[in-house]
Amino acid sequence: MKFKSFLFVLLSLLLFSCSKYSPRFERSFLSVLSDLEEISSAESAKVGYTKRYFSGETQHFLVVTLSNSMNLPENETELKKLGMKAMKFVFENIDNETIYDGYEVVFENQKGNLITQTFKSRFVYSYEEIEQ
């Protein structure tokens, strides 16, 4: 009986720790993704989170991935501004934006049919940058 109780508590804690950092949207998740695709002219958009370990510490990042965006700016500064616009939009539509240690936007473009090449541009923002 003690083993079952221990297992239940362990699984409950695991589930809680996994769901704590999942973005909670104020409106329909699919409508947010659809609007995000329009903002960035992307084929698809994803919003999730990831854990990273730095110097023995766990950090949680909210990640927005925009795949195969059309007409992306060549200039890195303009691309970073577009990423900021996308992240601000996500911020406006989630309830738990303050729990993350960092915020990342990934532009991911794939080229080719049989052999694909993936090009990624990553931008990391702080809470203060996004709130400006």
N, C-alpha and C. Protein backbone atom coordinates (compact mmCIF):
# COMPACT_ATOMS: atom_id res chain seq x y z
N MET A 1 0.82 -1.19 0.00
CA MET A 1 0.00 0.00 0.00
C MET A 1 0.86 1.26 0.00
N LYS A 2 1.97 1.25 0.77
CA LYS A 2 2.84 2.42 0.82
C LYS A 2 3.46 2.68 -0.55
N PHE A 3 3.79 1.60 -1.26
CA PHE A 3 4.38 1.76 -2.58
C PHE A 3 3.41 2.45 -3.53
N LYS A 4 2.13 2.06 -3.50
CA LYS A 4 1.13 2.68 -4.36
C LYS A 4 0.96 4.16 -4.03
N SER A 5 0.96 4.48 -2.75
CA SER A 5 0.84 5.88 -2.34
C SER A 5 2.06 6.68 -2.81
N PHE A 6 3.22 6.09 -2.63
CA PHE A 6 4.45 6.75 -3.08
C PHE A 6 4.43 6.96 -4.59
N LEU A 7 4.02 5.95 -5.33
CA LEU A 7 3.95 6.04 -6.78
C LEU A 7 2.96 7.11 -7.21
N PHE A 8 1.81 7.18 -6.55
CA PHE A 8 0.80 8.19 -6.86
C PHE A 8 1.36 9.60 -6.63
N VAL A 9 2.01 9.81 -5.51
CA VAL A 9 2.59 11.12 -5.19
C VAL A 9 3.67 11.47 -6.20
N LEU A 10 4.51 10.53 -6.53
CA LEU A 10 5.58 10.76 -7.49
C LEU A 10 5.03 11.13 -8.86
N LEU A 11 4.05 10.40 -9.34
CA LEU A 11 3.45 10.70 -10.65
C LEU A 11 2.72 12.03 -10.63
N SER A 12 2.06 12.35 -9.53
CA SER A 12 1.37 13.64 -9.40
C SER A 12 2.36 14.80 -9.48
N LEU A 13 3.47 14.66 -8.78
CA LEU A 13 4.50 15.70 -8.83
C LEU A 13 5.10 15.84 -10.23
N LEU A 14 5.31 14.72 -10.88
CA LEU A 14 5.84 14.75 -12.24
C LEU A 14 4.87 15.45 -13.18
N LEU A 15 3.60 15.12 -13.09
CA LEU A 15 2.59 15.75 -13.93
C LEU A 15 2.52 17.24 -13.65
N PHE A 16 2.53 17.62 -12.39
CA PHE A 16 2.48 19.03 -12.02
C PHE A 16 3.67 19.78 -12.57
N SER A 17 4.86 19.21 -12.44
CA SER A 17 6.06 19.90 -12.91
C SER A 17 6.06 20.05 -14.43
N CYS A 18 5.48 19.09 -15.14
CA CYS A 18 5.41 19.18 -16.60
C CYS A 18 4.39 20.21 -17.04
N SER A 19 3.27 20.30 -16.36
CA SER A 19 2.20 21.19 -16.80
C SER A 19 2.36 22.61 -16.29
N LYS A 20 3.16 22.82 -15.27
CA LYS A 20 3.31 24.16 -14.69
C LYS A 20 3.82 25.15 -15.72
N TYR A 21 4.75 24.75 -16.56
CA TYR A 21 5.37 25.66 -17.50
C TYR A 21 4.73 25.65 -18.89
N SER A 22 3.71 24.85 -19.11
CA SER A 22 3.02 24.87 -20.39
C SER A 22 2.26 26.18 -20.52
N PRO A 23 2.35 26.85 -21.68
CA PRO A 23 1.63 28.11 -21.84
C PRO A 23 0.11 27.90 -21.70
N ARG A 24 -0.54 28.77 -20.93
CA ARG A 24 -1.99 28.72 -20.76
C ARG A 24 -2.59 29.90 -21.52
N PHE A 25 -3.35 29.58 -22.55
CA PHE A 25 -3.88 30.63 -23.42
C PHE A 25 -5.22 31.14 -22.94
N GLU A 26 -5.44 32.45 -23.12
CA GLU A 26 -6.69 33.09 -22.72
C GLU A 26 -7.81 32.77 -23.70
N ARG A 27 -7.46 32.51 -24.94
CA ARG A 27 -8.46 32.14 -25.95
C ARG A 27 -7.98 30.87 -26.65
N SER A 28 -8.68 30.46 -27.66
CA SER A 28 -8.39 29.21 -28.34
C SER A 28 -6.93 29.15 -28.83
N PHE A 29 -6.25 28.06 -28.47
CA PHE A 29 -4.87 27.84 -28.86
C PHE A 29 -4.73 27.89 -30.38
N LEU A 30 -5.65 27.26 -31.10
CA LEU A 30 -5.57 27.22 -32.56
C LEU A 30 -5.76 28.59 -33.18
N SER A 31 -6.64 29.42 -32.61
CA SER A 31 -6.82 30.76 -33.16
C SER A 31 -5.59 31.63 -32.90
N VAL A 32 -4.94 31.43 -31.77
CA VAL A 32 -3.69 32.16 -31.49
C VAL A 32 -2.62 31.76 -32.50
N LEU A 33 -2.49 30.47 -32.77
CA LEU A 33 -1.49 30.00 -33.75
C LEU A 33 -1.80 30.54 -35.14
N SER A 34 -3.07 30.55 -35.51
CA SER A 34 -3.48 31.06 -36.81
C SER A 34 -3.12 32.54 -36.95
N ASP A 35 -3.41 33.33 -35.92
CA ASP A 35 -3.07 34.75 -35.96
C ASP A 35 -1.56 34.96 -35.97
N LEU A 36 -0.85 34.13 -35.26
CA LEU A 36 0.62 34.20 -35.22
C LEU A 36 1.21 33.90 -36.60
N GLU A 37 0.63 32.94 -37.30
CA GLU A 37 1.07 32.61 -38.66
C GLU A 37 0.85 33.80 -39.59
N GLU A 38 -0.27 34.51 -39.41
CA GLU A 38 -0.54 35.69 -40.24
C GLU A 38 0.46 36.81 -39.97
N ILE A 39 0.73 37.06 -38.69
CA ILE A 39 1.66 38.13 -38.32
C ILE A 39 3.02 37.91 -38.96
N SER A 40 3.48 36.69 -38.97
CA SER A 40 4.84 36.39 -39.44
C SER A 40 4.89 35.81 -40.85
N SER A 41 3.75 35.69 -41.50
CA SER A 41 3.67 35.07 -42.83
C SER A 41 4.31 33.69 -42.82
N ALA A 42 4.04 32.92 -41.78
CA ALA A 42 4.64 31.59 -41.63
C ALA A 42 3.69 30.50 -42.08
N GLU A 43 4.25 29.39 -42.57
CA GLU A 43 3.44 28.21 -42.89
C GLU A 43 2.84 27.61 -41.64
N SER A 44 3.64 27.57 -40.58
CA SER A 44 3.14 27.03 -39.32
C SER A 44 3.83 27.73 -38.15
N ALA A 45 3.13 27.71 -37.03
CA ALA A 45 3.66 28.31 -35.81
C ALA A 45 3.47 27.33 -34.66
N LYS A 46 4.41 27.35 -33.72
CA LYS A 46 4.31 26.51 -32.53
C LYS A 46 4.65 27.38 -31.32
N VAL A 47 3.97 27.10 -30.22
CA VAL A 47 4.29 27.77 -28.96
C VAL A 47 4.44 26.69 -27.91
N GLY A 48 5.52 26.73 -27.19
CA GLY A 48 5.76 25.74 -26.15
C GLY A 48 6.81 26.24 -25.19
N TYR A 49 7.38 25.33 -24.45
CA TYR A 49 8.46 25.72 -23.54
C TYR A 49 9.54 24.67 -23.57
N THR A 50 10.71 25.08 -23.12
CA THR A 50 11.83 24.16 -23.03
C THR A 50 12.60 24.45 -21.75
N LYS A 51 13.29 23.42 -21.27
CA LYS A 51 14.16 23.56 -20.10
C LYS A 51 15.60 23.52 -20.57
N ARG A 52 16.42 24.35 -19.97
CA ARG A 52 17.85 24.34 -20.25
C ARG A 52 18.59 24.38 -18.93
N TYR A 53 19.77 23.83 -18.94
CA TYR A 53 20.59 23.79 -17.73
C TYR A 53 21.82 24.66 -17.93
N PHE A 54 21.98 25.67 -17.07
CA PHE A 54 23.14 26.56 -17.10
C PHE A 54 23.78 26.53 -15.72
N SER A 55 25.02 26.14 -15.67
CA SER A 55 25.79 26.15 -14.41
C SER A 55 25.03 25.46 -13.28
N GLY A 56 24.42 24.34 -13.58
CA GLY A 56 23.72 23.57 -12.56
C GLY A 56 22.32 24.07 -12.23
N GLU A 57 21.86 25.12 -12.89
CA GLU A 57 20.51 25.65 -12.65
C GLU A 57 19.61 25.34 -13.83
N THR A 58 18.36 25.02 -13.52
CA THR A 58 17.36 24.79 -14.56
C THR A 58 16.70 26.12 -14.90
N GLN A 59 16.63 26.43 -16.18
CA GLN A 59 15.93 27.63 -16.64
C GLN A 59 14.86 27.21 -17.63
N HIS A 60 13.72 27.90 -17.57
CA HIS A 60 12.58 27.60 -18.42
C HIS A 60 12.38 28.73 -19.43
N PHE A 61 12.21 28.35 -20.69
CA PHE A 61 12.04 29.33 -21.75
C PHE A 61 10.71 29.09 -22.47
N LEU A 62 9.99 30.17 -22.71
CA LEU A 62 8.82 30.14 -23.59
C LEU A 62 9.38 30.25 -25.01
N VAL A 63 8.99 29.33 -25.89
CA VAL A 63 9.56 29.29 -27.23
C VAL A 63 8.45 29.40 -28.27
N VAL A 64 8.63 30.35 -29.20
CA VAL A 64 7.74 30.50 -30.35
C VAL A 64 8.56 30.11 -31.57
N THR A 65 8.09 29.12 -32.32
CA THR A 65 8.78 28.67 -33.53
C THR A 65 7.91 28.99 -34.73
N LEU A 66 8.48 29.72 -35.68
CA LEU A 66 7.79 30.11 -36.90
C LEU A 66 8.49 29.42 -38.06
N SER A 67 7.76 28.54 -38.74
CA SER A 67 8.36 27.71 -39.79
C SER A 67 8.02 28.23 -41.18
N ASN A 68 9.03 28.30 -42.01
CA ASN A 68 8.91 28.67 -43.42
C ASN A 68 8.15 29.98 -43.61
N SER A 69 8.61 31.02 -42.92
CA SER A 69 8.03 32.35 -43.08
C SER A 69 8.40 32.91 -44.44
N MET A 70 7.46 33.60 -45.05
CA MET A 70 7.70 34.20 -46.36
C MET A 70 8.25 35.61 -46.17
N ASN A 71 9.11 36.03 -47.08
CA ASN A 71 9.63 37.39 -47.12
C ASN A 71 10.24 37.85 -45.80
N LEU A 72 11.06 37.00 -45.21
CA LEU A 72 11.74 37.41 -43.98
C LEU A 72 12.77 38.49 -44.30
N PRO A 73 12.91 39.45 -43.41
CA PRO A 73 13.93 40.49 -43.64
C PRO A 73 15.33 39.88 -43.66
N GLU A 74 16.18 40.38 -44.53
CA GLU A 74 17.57 39.92 -44.60
C GLU A 74 18.37 40.50 -43.43
N ASN A 75 17.99 41.69 -43.01
CA ASN A 75 18.67 42.40 -41.94
C ASN A 75 18.34 41.75 -40.60
N GLU A 76 19.36 41.41 -39.82
CA GLU A 76 19.14 40.72 -38.54
C GLU A 76 18.37 41.60 -37.55
N THR A 77 18.59 42.90 -37.59
CA THR A 77 17.86 43.81 -36.69
C THR A 77 16.37 43.78 -36.99
N GLU A 78 16.02 43.79 -38.27
CA GLU A 78 14.60 43.74 -38.65
C GLU A 78 13.98 42.39 -38.31
N LEU A 79 14.76 41.33 -38.47
CA LEU A 79 14.28 39.99 -38.13
C LEU A 79 14.03 39.89 -36.62
N LYS A 80 14.91 40.49 -35.84
CA LYS A 80 14.74 40.49 -34.39
C LYS A 80 13.48 41.28 -34.00
N LYS A 81 13.20 42.38 -34.71
CA LYS A 81 11.98 43.16 -34.45
C LYS A 81 10.73 42.34 -34.77
N LEU A 82 10.78 41.57 -35.86
CA LEU A 82 9.65 40.71 -36.20
C LEU A 82 9.45 39.64 -35.13
N GLY A 83 10.54 39.09 -34.63
CA GLY A 83 10.46 38.12 -33.54
C GLY A 83 9.85 38.74 -32.30
N MET A 84 10.23 39.97 -31.99
CA MET A 84 9.67 40.68 -30.84
C MET A 84 8.17 40.91 -31.02
N LYS A 85 7.77 41.25 -32.23
CA LYS A 85 6.34 41.45 -32.51
C LYS A 85 5.56 40.16 -32.27
N ALA A 86 6.11 39.05 -32.73
CA ALA A 86 5.46 37.75 -32.53
C ALA A 86 5.38 37.40 -31.05
N MET A 87 6.46 37.62 -30.31
CA MET A 87 6.47 37.30 -28.88
C MET A 87 5.51 38.20 -28.11
N LYS A 88 5.43 39.48 -28.46
CA LYS A 88 4.48 40.38 -27.79
C LYS A 88 3.05 39.91 -28.02
N PHE A 89 2.77 39.42 -29.23
CA PHE A 89 1.44 38.89 -29.52
C PHE A 89 1.13 37.69 -28.62
N VAL A 90 2.09 36.80 -28.48
CA VAL A 90 1.90 35.63 -27.61
C VAL A 90 1.69 36.10 -26.17
N PHE A 91 2.48 37.08 -25.73
CA PHE A 91 2.34 37.62 -24.37
C PHE A 91 0.93 38.11 -24.11
N GLU A 92 0.33 38.75 -25.10
CA GLU A 92 -1.02 39.29 -24.94
C GLU A 92 -2.07 38.20 -24.82
N ASN A 93 -1.73 36.98 -25.19
CA ASN A 93 -2.71 35.91 -25.26
C ASN A 93 -2.47 34.76 -24.29
N ILE A 94 -1.51 34.88 -23.38
CA ILE A 94 -1.32 33.83 -22.39
C ILE A 94 -1.44 34.42 -20.99
N ASP A 95 -1.81 33.55 -20.06
CA ASP A 95 -2.00 33.96 -18.66
C ASP A 95 -0.73 33.87 -17.84
N ASN A 96 0.17 32.98 -18.19
CA ASN A 96 1.32 32.69 -17.32
C ASN A 96 2.65 33.15 -17.92
N GLU A 97 2.67 34.32 -18.52
CA GLU A 97 3.88 34.79 -19.18
C GLU A 97 5.02 35.14 -18.23
N THR A 98 4.73 35.37 -16.96
CA THR A 98 5.77 35.82 -16.03
C THR A 98 6.59 34.69 -15.40
N ILE A 99 6.24 33.43 -15.64
CA ILE A 99 6.91 32.33 -14.94
C ILE A 99 8.20 31.86 -15.62
N TYR A 100 8.51 32.40 -16.78
CA TYR A 100 9.66 31.92 -17.54
C TYR A 100 10.91 32.73 -17.24
N ASP A 101 12.06 32.10 -17.43
CA ASP A 101 13.34 32.77 -17.23
C ASP A 101 13.80 33.49 -18.48
N GLY A 102 13.29 33.10 -19.64
CA GLY A 102 13.66 33.72 -20.90
C GLY A 102 12.61 33.43 -21.95
N TYR A 103 12.69 34.16 -23.06
CA TYR A 103 11.69 34.07 -24.12
C TYR A 103 12.44 34.01 -25.44
N GLU A 104 12.11 33.01 -26.25
CA GLU A 104 12.87 32.75 -27.47
C GLU A 104 11.94 32.65 -28.67
N VAL A 105 12.37 33.27 -29.77
CA VAL A 105 11.67 33.12 -31.05
C VAL A 105 12.65 32.47 -32.02
N VAL A 106 12.18 31.43 -32.69
CA VAL A 106 13.00 30.70 -33.66
C VAL A 106 12.34 30.80 -35.02
N PHE A 107 13.07 31.35 -35.99
CA PHE A 107 12.63 31.33 -37.38
C PHE A 107 13.31 30.12 -38.01
N GLU A 108 12.51 29.21 -38.54
CA GLU A 108 13.03 27.95 -39.07
C GLU A 108 12.56 27.82 -40.52
N ASN A 109 13.49 27.83 -41.45
CA ASN A 109 13.15 27.68 -42.87
C ASN A 109 13.83 26.45 -43.43
N GLN A 110 13.05 25.66 -44.16
CA GLN A 110 13.58 24.45 -44.77
C GLN A 110 13.57 24.61 -46.28
N LYS A 111 14.63 24.14 -46.91
CA LYS A 111 14.73 24.19 -48.36
C LYS A 111 15.04 22.81 -48.88
N GLY A 112 14.47 22.49 -50.03
CA GLY A 112 14.76 21.21 -50.67
C GLY A 112 13.62 20.23 -50.51
N ASN A 113 13.59 19.24 -51.40
CA ASN A 113 12.53 18.23 -51.36
C ASN A 113 13.02 16.91 -50.80
N LEU A 114 13.97 16.28 -51.47
CA LEU A 114 14.47 15.00 -51.00
C LEU A 114 15.47 15.18 -49.86
N ILE A 115 16.38 16.10 -50.07
CA ILE A 115 17.35 16.42 -49.02
C ILE A 115 17.03 17.83 -48.55
N THR A 116 16.66 17.96 -47.31
CA THR A 116 16.27 19.28 -46.82
C THR A 116 17.39 19.89 -45.99
N GLN A 117 17.52 21.17 -46.15
CA GLN A 117 18.43 21.95 -45.32
C GLN A 117 17.57 22.84 -44.44
N THR A 118 17.90 22.90 -43.18
CA THR A 118 17.15 23.74 -42.27
C THR A 118 18.03 24.90 -41.82
N PHE A 119 17.49 26.09 -41.95
CA PHE A 119 18.17 27.30 -41.52
C PHE A 119 17.40 27.86 -40.34
N LYS A 120 18.10 28.14 -39.25
CA LYS A 120 17.43 28.66 -38.06
C LYS A 120 18.07 29.98 -37.63
N SER A 121 17.21 30.88 -37.21
CA SER A 121 17.66 32.11 -36.55
C SER A 121 16.95 32.16 -35.22
N ARG A 122 17.71 32.29 -34.14
CA ARG A 122 17.14 32.32 -32.78
C ARG A 122 17.39 33.69 -32.16
N PHE A 123 16.35 34.17 -31.48
CA PHE A 123 16.47 35.41 -30.74
C PHE A 123 15.90 35.20 -29.35
N VAL A 124 16.67 35.58 -28.35
CA VAL A 124 16.23 35.44 -26.96
C VAL A 124 15.98 36.83 -26.40
N TYR A 125 14.85 36.97 -25.72
CA TYR A 125 14.44 38.25 -25.15
C TYR A 125 14.24 38.10 -23.64
N SER A 126 14.36 39.21 -22.95
CA SER A 126 14.06 39.22 -21.52
C SER A 126 12.63 39.71 -21.33
N TYR A 127 12.09 39.47 -20.16
CA TYR A 127 10.74 39.94 -19.83
C TYR A 127 10.66 41.47 -19.98
N GLU A 128 11.68 42.16 -19.52
CA GLU A 128 11.70 43.62 -19.57
C GLU A 128 11.67 44.13 -21.01
N GLU A 129 12.40 43.47 -21.92
CA GLU A 129 12.40 43.87 -23.33
C GLU A 129 11.01 43.76 -23.93
N ILE A 130 10.32 42.70 -23.62
CA ILE A 130 9.01 42.45 -24.21
C ILE A 130 7.96 43.40 -23.64
N GLU A 131 8.08 43.73 -22.38
CA GLU A 131 7.11 44.61 -21.73
C GLU A 131 7.24 46.07 -22.14
N GLN A 132 8.34 46.46 -22.80
CA GLN A 132 8.53 47.86 -23.20
C GLN A 132 7.54 48.28 -24.24
